[in-house]
Amino acid sequence: GLPLGYIARKLKKSKDMEVFFDLHFVIQKEGSTLDNFYTKKGIRHADAYVVHAYKTAGELKQLFPKKPFEVLERGQKFTGKGIKVLKLYHPVYDMFQPDPAFDVKKAKKEMGLKKHVFLFFGFIRKYKGLHNVIEAFARLAGERDDVSLLIVGESFWNTLDNSKLSTRIKNATFGMAKKIFLRKQDDERNYQPLSLIDKLGLKDKTYVVNDFVPNEMVHKYFQVSDDIMLFYLTATPSGIESIAYNFRMPMLATRVGHFTETVKDGYNGYLAEPDNIESMTAVMRKAIEHPISRENVAETSKDMSWTNYAVEILR
């Protein structure tokens, strides 16, 4: 926080320069008072801010309660009555695209996937709620035999070799930082959602890639799937959501964070109640019985380009 604040303060002294902070979140998911203090020091010297959700704009106001802010959506005119806060949707990652030559049927057969495939993709962290995804899927799989759950992503602690000195240093550093900055956070070394697969008897109904996935392989998992699973416990703008837009994939998300802004229930996805397995199962069932039009998903994301994003900041 302090080095960033120092740099911003120096840059702001130039008459020909505006300082923008692009904020994916302001208050950490596992934040502490000290963490918020340094965040405040780091981002206070700004002419304007960019946020991707009203929730983040609210966090900014919470961090600086005495500062006036003017929150603007794309195309709205700035009146100058407060510090400019541009609320812009997270641009779509155009590096990930469907491969028109990809044989979906062959790939599904090789992975043993059934007719309806639900995809959990990305780094496995507790706040992403994979444990809820698996439990909700287990209930659905108990009702029908034409569904599969595809889980693709690496677990943070599994990427570390505990025999290495560098890993021991990382563990010690993380433990110290956790005590100082992340007092509210569970130790994710104990988070093992994949163990639920055997416990719930889902081994023949799931396909797991618990490893790093190179960019050129990403399309494979999205193209064999029908819906992206976003049953998060808390949510800031999601990179996984942005990738899914490229594949016109309907979103199944919880009513948390910015998902209530981007996922229009019944149009480009379905929303479930957080920490409610029955609601999540119902949403998955609905996605099969009343599938979302992929054209609706494409319509939602048509203006989410990096060009539009840059133009809005510079205008």
Protein backbone atom coordinates (compact mmCIF):
# COMPACT_ATOMS: atom_id res chain seq x y z
CA GLY A 1 0.00 0.00 0.00
CA LEU A 2 2.64 2.55 1.00
CA PRO A 3 4.86 2.25 -2.14
CA LEU A 4 1.78 2.47 -4.38
CA GLY A 5 0.54 5.53 -2.52
CA TYR A 6 3.94 7.18 -2.83
CA ILE A 7 4.07 6.58 -6.61
CA ALA A 8 0.51 7.86 -7.10
CA ARG A 9 1.23 10.99 -5.08
CA LYS A 10 4.32 11.75 -7.18
CA LEU A 11 2.46 11.18 -10.46
CA LYS A 12 -0.43 13.36 -9.38
CA LYS A 13 1.88 16.36 -9.06
CA SER A 14 2.18 16.48 -12.84
CA LYS A 15 -0.36 18.88 -14.38
CA ASP A 16 -0.56 16.75 -17.53
CA MET A 17 -1.39 13.50 -15.81
CA GLU A 18 -4.50 11.95 -14.28
CA VAL A 19 -4.17 9.08 -11.84
CA PHE A 20 -6.76 6.28 -12.17
CA PHE A 21 -6.97 3.24 -9.93
CA ASP A 22 -8.64 0.19 -11.46
CA LEU A 23 -10.13 -1.69 -8.50
CA HIS A 24 -11.32 -5.28 -8.69
CA PHE A 25 -12.09 -5.01 -4.99
CA VAL A 26 -11.32 -2.53 -2.22
CA ILE A 27 -11.92 -4.50 0.95
CA GLN A 28 -10.31 -7.93 0.92
CA LYS A 29 -12.52 -10.99 1.16
CA GLU A 30 -10.48 -11.98 4.23
CA GLY A 31 -9.46 -8.45 5.21
CA SER A 32 -8.35 -7.02 8.55
CA THR A 33 -8.24 -3.51 10.00
CA LEU A 34 -4.52 -3.26 9.24
CA ASP A 35 -5.03 -4.45 5.68
CA ASN A 36 -7.72 -1.81 5.14
CA PHE A 37 -5.41 0.84 6.62
CA TYR A 38 -2.69 0.13 4.05
CA THR A 39 -5.21 -0.11 1.21
CA LYS A 40 -6.45 3.35 2.16
CA LYS A 41 -2.90 4.69 2.12
CA GLY A 42 -2.24 3.08 -1.24
CA ILE A 43 -5.22 4.29 -3.26
CA ARG A 44 -6.12 7.65 -1.74
CA HIS A 45 -4.08 9.77 -4.20
CA ALA A 46 -6.29 9.34 -7.26
CA ASP A 47 -8.13 11.61 -9.65
CA ALA A 48 -10.59 8.85 -10.49
CA TYR A 49 -11.36 5.19 -9.91
CA VAL A 50 -12.61 2.35 -12.08
CA VAL A 51 -14.73 -0.38 -10.49
CA HIS A 52 -16.52 -3.38 -11.98
CA ALA A 53 -19.46 -3.60 -9.58
CA TYR A 54 -21.59 -1.35 -7.41
CA LYS A 55 -20.44 -3.48 -4.47
CA THR A 56 -16.88 -2.28 -5.06
CA ALA A 57 -18.06 1.34 -5.33
CA GLY A 58 -19.75 0.84 -1.98
CA GLU A 59 -16.52 -0.48 -0.48
CA LEU A 60 -14.71 2.62 -1.76
CA LYS A 61 -17.23 4.84 0.00
CA GLN A 62 -16.87 2.73 3.12
CA LEU A 63 -13.10 3.15 3.08
CA PHE A 64 -13.32 6.93 2.51
CA PRO A 65 -16.60 7.96 4.23
CA LYS A 66 -15.79 11.69 4.13
CA LYS A 67 -14.95 11.86 0.42
CA PRO A 68 -17.66 12.69 -2.15
CA PHE A 69 -17.88 10.21 -5.03
CA GLU A 70 -19.83 10.34 -8.29
CA VAL A 71 -20.47 6.86 -9.66
CA LEU A 72 -21.00 6.78 -13.44
CA GLU A 73 -21.98 4.01 -15.81
CA ARG A 74 -20.79 3.83 -19.41
CA GLY A 75 -21.86 6.91 -21.38
CA GLN A 76 -23.03 8.96 -18.40
CA LYS A 77 -21.82 12.56 -18.12
CA PHE A 78 -19.54 13.59 -15.27
CA THR A 79 -20.91 16.60 -13.37
CA GLY A 80 -17.88 17.21 -11.17
CA LYS A 81 -19.83 16.93 -7.91
CA GLY A 82 -17.46 14.33 -6.53
CA ILE A 83 -14.48 12.13 -7.34
CA LYS A 84 -15.18 10.23 -10.56
CA VAL A 85 -15.87 6.51 -10.15
CA LEU A 86 -16.44 4.68 -13.46
CA LYS A 87 -18.52 1.54 -13.06
CA LEU A 88 -17.54 -0.59 -16.07
CA TYR A 89 -18.08 -4.29 -16.64
CA HIS A 90 -14.95 -6.44 -16.65
CA PRO A 91 -13.86 -6.77 -20.31
CA VAL A 92 -14.02 -10.18 -21.95
CA TYR A 93 -10.72 -12.06 -22.34
CA ASP A 94 -10.46 -12.36 -26.12
CA MET A 95 -7.43 -14.67 -25.93
CA PHE A 96 -9.82 -17.57 -25.26
CA GLN A 97 -12.00 -18.54 -28.21
CA PRO A 98 -13.86 -21.66 -29.35
CA ASP A 99 -12.00 -23.85 -31.83
CA PRO A 100 -14.39 -24.50 -34.75
CA ALA A 101 -12.44 -27.65 -35.66
CA PHE A 102 -12.67 -29.14 -32.17
CA ASP A 103 -14.54 -32.47 -32.04
CA VAL A 104 -16.83 -32.01 -29.04
CA LYS A 105 -18.46 -35.46 -29.25
CA LYS A 106 -15.10 -37.22 -29.36
CA ALA A 107 -13.73 -35.22 -26.42
CA LYS A 108 -16.83 -35.90 -24.31
CA LYS A 109 -16.55 -39.60 -25.05
CA GLU A 110 -12.85 -39.65 -24.10
CA MET A 111 -13.61 -37.96 -20.79
CA GLY A 112 -16.66 -40.11 -20.12
CA LEU A 113 -18.97 -37.10 -19.98
CA LYS A 114 -22.71 -37.49 -20.27
CA LYS A 115 -25.31 -35.36 -22.05
CA HIS A 116 -25.46 -32.41 -19.63
CA VAL A 117 -22.10 -31.11 -18.39
CA PHE A 118 -21.61 -28.58 -15.60
CA LEU A 119 -18.18 -26.92 -15.47
CA PHE A 120 -16.27 -25.61 -12.46
CA PHE A 121 -13.16 -23.91 -13.80
CA GLY A 122 -10.24 -22.09 -12.21
CA PHE A 123 -8.10 -21.93 -9.12
CA ILE A 124 -9.70 -23.90 -6.27
CA ARG A 125 -10.29 -21.50 -3.38
CA LYS A 126 -12.81 -21.85 -0.58
CA TYR A 127 -14.69 -18.65 -1.45
CA LYS A 128 -15.50 -20.13 -4.88
CA GLY A 129 -17.72 -22.72 -3.19
CA LEU A 130 -16.66 -25.90 -4.98
CA HIS A 131 -17.87 -27.89 -1.96
CA ASN A 132 -21.37 -26.50 -2.57
CA VAL A 133 -21.14 -27.25 -6.29
CA ILE A 134 -20.29 -30.89 -5.58
CA GLU A 135 -23.02 -31.31 -2.96
CA ALA A 136 -25.66 -29.71 -5.20
CA PHE A 137 -24.54 -31.85 -8.12
CA ALA A 138 -24.74 -34.99 -5.96
CA ARG A 139 -28.44 -34.33 -5.35
CA LEU A 140 -29.07 -33.76 -9.06
CA ALA A 141 -27.11 -36.88 -10.00
CA GLY A 142 -29.32 -38.84 -7.62
CA GLU A 143 -32.33 -37.83 -9.71
CA ARG A 144 -30.98 -38.49 -13.20
CA ASP A 145 -28.17 -40.37 -14.92
CA ASP A 146 -27.48 -38.01 -17.84
CA VAL A 147 -25.36 -35.42 -15.98
CA SER A 148 -21.63 -34.92 -15.42
CA LEU A 149 -19.56 -32.50 -13.35
CA LEU A 150 -16.30 -31.33 -14.91
CA ILE A 151 -13.85 -29.79 -12.42
CA VAL A 152 -10.79 -28.10 -13.91
CA GLY A 153 -8.33 -26.18 -11.76
CA GLU A 154 -5.39 -26.49 -9.41
CA SER A 155 -5.47 -26.33 -5.62
CA PHE A 156 -3.12 -23.67 -4.24
CA TRP A 157 -1.42 -25.78 -1.59
CA ASN A 158 -1.01 -28.72 -3.98
CA THR A 159 1.26 -26.62 -6.19
CA LEU A 160 3.92 -26.39 -3.49
CA ASP A 161 6.69 -28.93 -2.88
CA ASN A 162 7.06 -29.08 0.91
CA SER A 163 10.54 -30.57 0.62
CA LYS A 164 11.88 -27.33 -0.85
CA LEU A 165 13.33 -24.55 1.29
CA SER A 166 11.42 -21.97 -0.79
CA THR A 167 8.14 -23.69 0.09
CA ARG A 168 8.96 -23.73 3.80
CA ILE A 169 9.73 -20.01 3.60
CA LYS A 170 6.43 -19.39 1.78
CA ASN A 171 4.53 -21.35 4.43
CA ALA A 172 6.16 -19.41 7.24
CA THR A 173 5.57 -16.08 5.48
CA PHE A 174 1.94 -16.95 4.78
CA GLY A 175 1.42 -17.96 8.41
CA MET A 176 2.83 -14.67 9.63
CA ALA A 177 0.84 -12.62 7.10
CA LYS A 178 -2.32 -14.53 7.99
CA LYS A 179 -1.96 -13.63 11.66
CA ILE A 180 -1.39 -9.95 10.86
CA PHE A 181 -3.59 -9.31 7.84
CA LEU A 182 -6.04 -12.17 7.41
CA ARG A 183 -7.32 -12.99 10.87
CA LYS A 184 -10.76 -13.94 9.56
CA GLN A 185 -9.49 -16.37 6.95
CA ASP A 186 -9.68 -20.14 7.30
CA ASP A 187 -6.43 -21.94 6.60
CA GLU A 188 -7.11 -23.24 3.09
CA ARG A 189 -4.57 -26.00 3.52
CA ASN A 190 -7.45 -27.81 5.23
CA TYR A 191 -9.86 -27.11 2.37
CA GLN A 192 -10.24 -30.38 0.44
CA PRO A 193 -13.51 -30.22 -1.52
CA LEU A 194 -12.43 -32.92 -3.98
CA SER A 195 -12.64 -35.48 -1.17
CA LEU A 196 -16.42 -35.10 -1.40
CA ILE A 197 -16.39 -36.89 -4.76
CA ASP A 198 -15.56 -40.27 -3.19
CA LYS A 199 -17.57 -39.54 -0.05
CA LEU A 200 -20.73 -38.87 -2.08
CA GLY A 201 -20.13 -41.68 -4.58
CA LEU A 202 -19.64 -39.41 -7.59
CA LYS A 203 -16.45 -40.83 -9.07
CA ASP A 204 -18.17 -42.16 -12.21
CA LYS A 205 -20.09 -38.90 -12.69
CA THR A 206 -17.20 -36.44 -12.40
CA TYR A 207 -14.07 -35.70 -14.40
CA VAL A 208 -11.32 -33.84 -12.54
CA VAL A 209 -8.27 -32.02 -13.88
CA ASN A 210 -6.63 -30.87 -10.64
CA ASP A 211 -3.71 -29.19 -12.37
CA PHE A 212 -2.57 -26.07 -14.21
CA VAL A 213 -4.24 -25.71 -17.63
CA PRO A 214 -2.26 -23.92 -20.39
CA ASN A 215 -4.10 -21.26 -22.39
CA GLU A 216 -4.26 -23.36 -25.54
CA MET A 217 -6.19 -26.09 -23.69
CA VAL A 218 -8.80 -23.86 -22.05
CA HIS A 219 -11.26 -24.01 -24.96
CA LYS A 220 -11.48 -27.80 -24.70
CA TYR A 221 -13.18 -27.75 -21.30
CA PHE A 222 -15.55 -24.93 -22.13
CA GLN A 223 -16.61 -26.43 -25.45
CA VAL A 224 -17.64 -29.77 -23.91
CA SER A 225 -19.67 -28.03 -21.17
CA ASP A 226 -23.16 -26.55 -21.00
CA ASP A 227 -23.08 -24.25 -17.97
CA ILE A 228 -20.39 -22.56 -15.87
CA MET A 229 -20.69 -23.01 -12.09
CA LEU A 230 -20.23 -19.86 -10.00
CA PHE A 231 -21.67 -20.86 -6.63
CA TYR A 232 -19.32 -18.47 -4.82
CA LEU A 233 -19.54 -17.58 -1.14
CA THR A 234 -18.40 -14.02 -1.92
CA ALA A 235 -17.76 -12.49 -5.32
CA THR A 236 -15.82 -9.72 -6.93
CA PRO A 237 -15.79 -9.50 -10.76
CA SER A 238 -14.78 -12.93 -11.96
CA GLY A 239 -12.23 -13.69 -14.65
CA ILE A 240 -13.88 -17.08 -15.12
CA GLU A 241 -17.15 -15.33 -15.89
CA SER A 242 -15.34 -13.24 -18.52
CA ILE A 243 -13.89 -16.35 -20.16
CA ALA A 244 -17.32 -18.00 -20.21
CA TYR A 245 -18.74 -15.08 -22.21
CA ASN A 246 -16.38 -15.96 -25.08
CA PHE A 247 -18.01 -19.37 -25.25
CA ARG A 248 -21.55 -17.98 -24.86
CA MET A 249 -21.89 -20.15 -21.78
CA PRO A 250 -24.84 -19.61 -19.40
CA MET A 251 -23.91 -18.71 -15.81
CA LEU A 252 -25.20 -20.57 -12.75
CA ALA A 253 -24.28 -18.28 -9.87
CA THR A 254 -25.20 -17.37 -6.32
CA ARG A 255 -26.88 -14.10 -5.34
CA VAL A 256 -23.68 -12.60 -3.95
CA GLY A 257 -21.48 -9.66 -4.88
CA HIS A 258 -21.63 -8.44 -8.44
CA PHE A 259 -23.35 -11.56 -9.82
CA THR A 260 -26.70 -9.91 -9.12
CA GLU A 261 -25.63 -7.17 -11.55
CA THR A 262 -24.25 -9.31 -14.38
CA VAL A 263 -26.35 -12.49 -14.24
CA LYS A 264 -29.91 -11.70 -15.26
CA ASP A 265 -31.92 -14.54 -13.77
CA GLY A 266 -33.61 -16.50 -16.54
CA TYR A 267 -31.93 -14.53 -19.35
CA ASN A 268 -28.17 -15.23 -19.43
CA GLY A 269 -28.13 -17.58 -16.45
CA TYR A 270 -29.81 -18.56 -13.22
CA LEU A 271 -29.24 -17.34 -9.66
CA ALA A 272 -29.29 -19.53 -6.56
CA GLU A 273 -29.44 -18.53 -2.92
CA PRO A 274 -26.00 -18.60 -1.25
CA ASP A 275 -25.22 -21.55 1.04
CA ASN A 276 -28.51 -23.17 0.06
CA ILE A 277 -27.82 -26.55 -1.53
CA GLU A 278 -31.47 -27.13 -2.36
CA SER A 279 -31.63 -23.81 -4.24
CA MET A 280 -28.41 -24.63 -6.10
CA THR A 281 -29.72 -28.04 -7.13
CA ALA A 282 -32.95 -26.42 -8.33
CA VAL A 283 -30.96 -24.00 -10.48
CA MET A 284 -28.97 -26.84 -12.05
CA ARG A 285 -32.19 -28.72 -12.72
CA LYS A 286 -33.73 -25.63 -14.28
CA ALA A 287 -30.69 -25.19 -16.55
CA ILE A 288 -31.47 -28.61 -18.04
CA GLU A 289 -35.25 -28.33 -18.21
CA HIS A 290 -35.29 -24.70 -19.37
CA PRO A 291 -31.89 -24.10 -21.02
CA ILE A 292 -30.66 -20.54 -21.40
CA SER A 293 -30.24 -19.30 -24.97
CA ARG A 294 -26.58 -18.80 -25.81
CA GLU A 295 -27.64 -15.87 -27.96
CA ASN A 296 -28.75 -14.16 -24.75
CA VAL A 297 -25.29 -14.66 -23.27
CA ALA A 298 -23.70 -13.21 -26.40
CA GLU A 299 -26.04 -10.21 -26.24
CA THR A 300 -25.04 -9.57 -22.61
CA SER A 301 -21.34 -9.41 -23.44
CA LYS A 302 -21.36 -7.69 -26.85
CA ASP A 303 -20.15 -4.34 -25.46
CA MET A 304 -17.61 -5.80 -23.02
CA SER A 305 -14.56 -5.22 -25.22
CA TRP A 306 -11.20 -3.84 -24.11
CA THR A 307 -11.58 -1.11 -26.74
CA ASN A 308 -14.85 0.13 -25.24
CA TYR A 309 -13.28 -0.09 -21.81
CA ALA A 310 -10.29 2.06 -22.79
CA VAL A 311 -12.42 4.59 -24.69
CA GLU A 312 -14.65 5.10 -21.66
CA ILE A 313 -11.69 5.76 -19.37
CA LEU A 314 -10.08 8.20 -21.81
CA ARG A 315 -13.15 10.19 -22.82
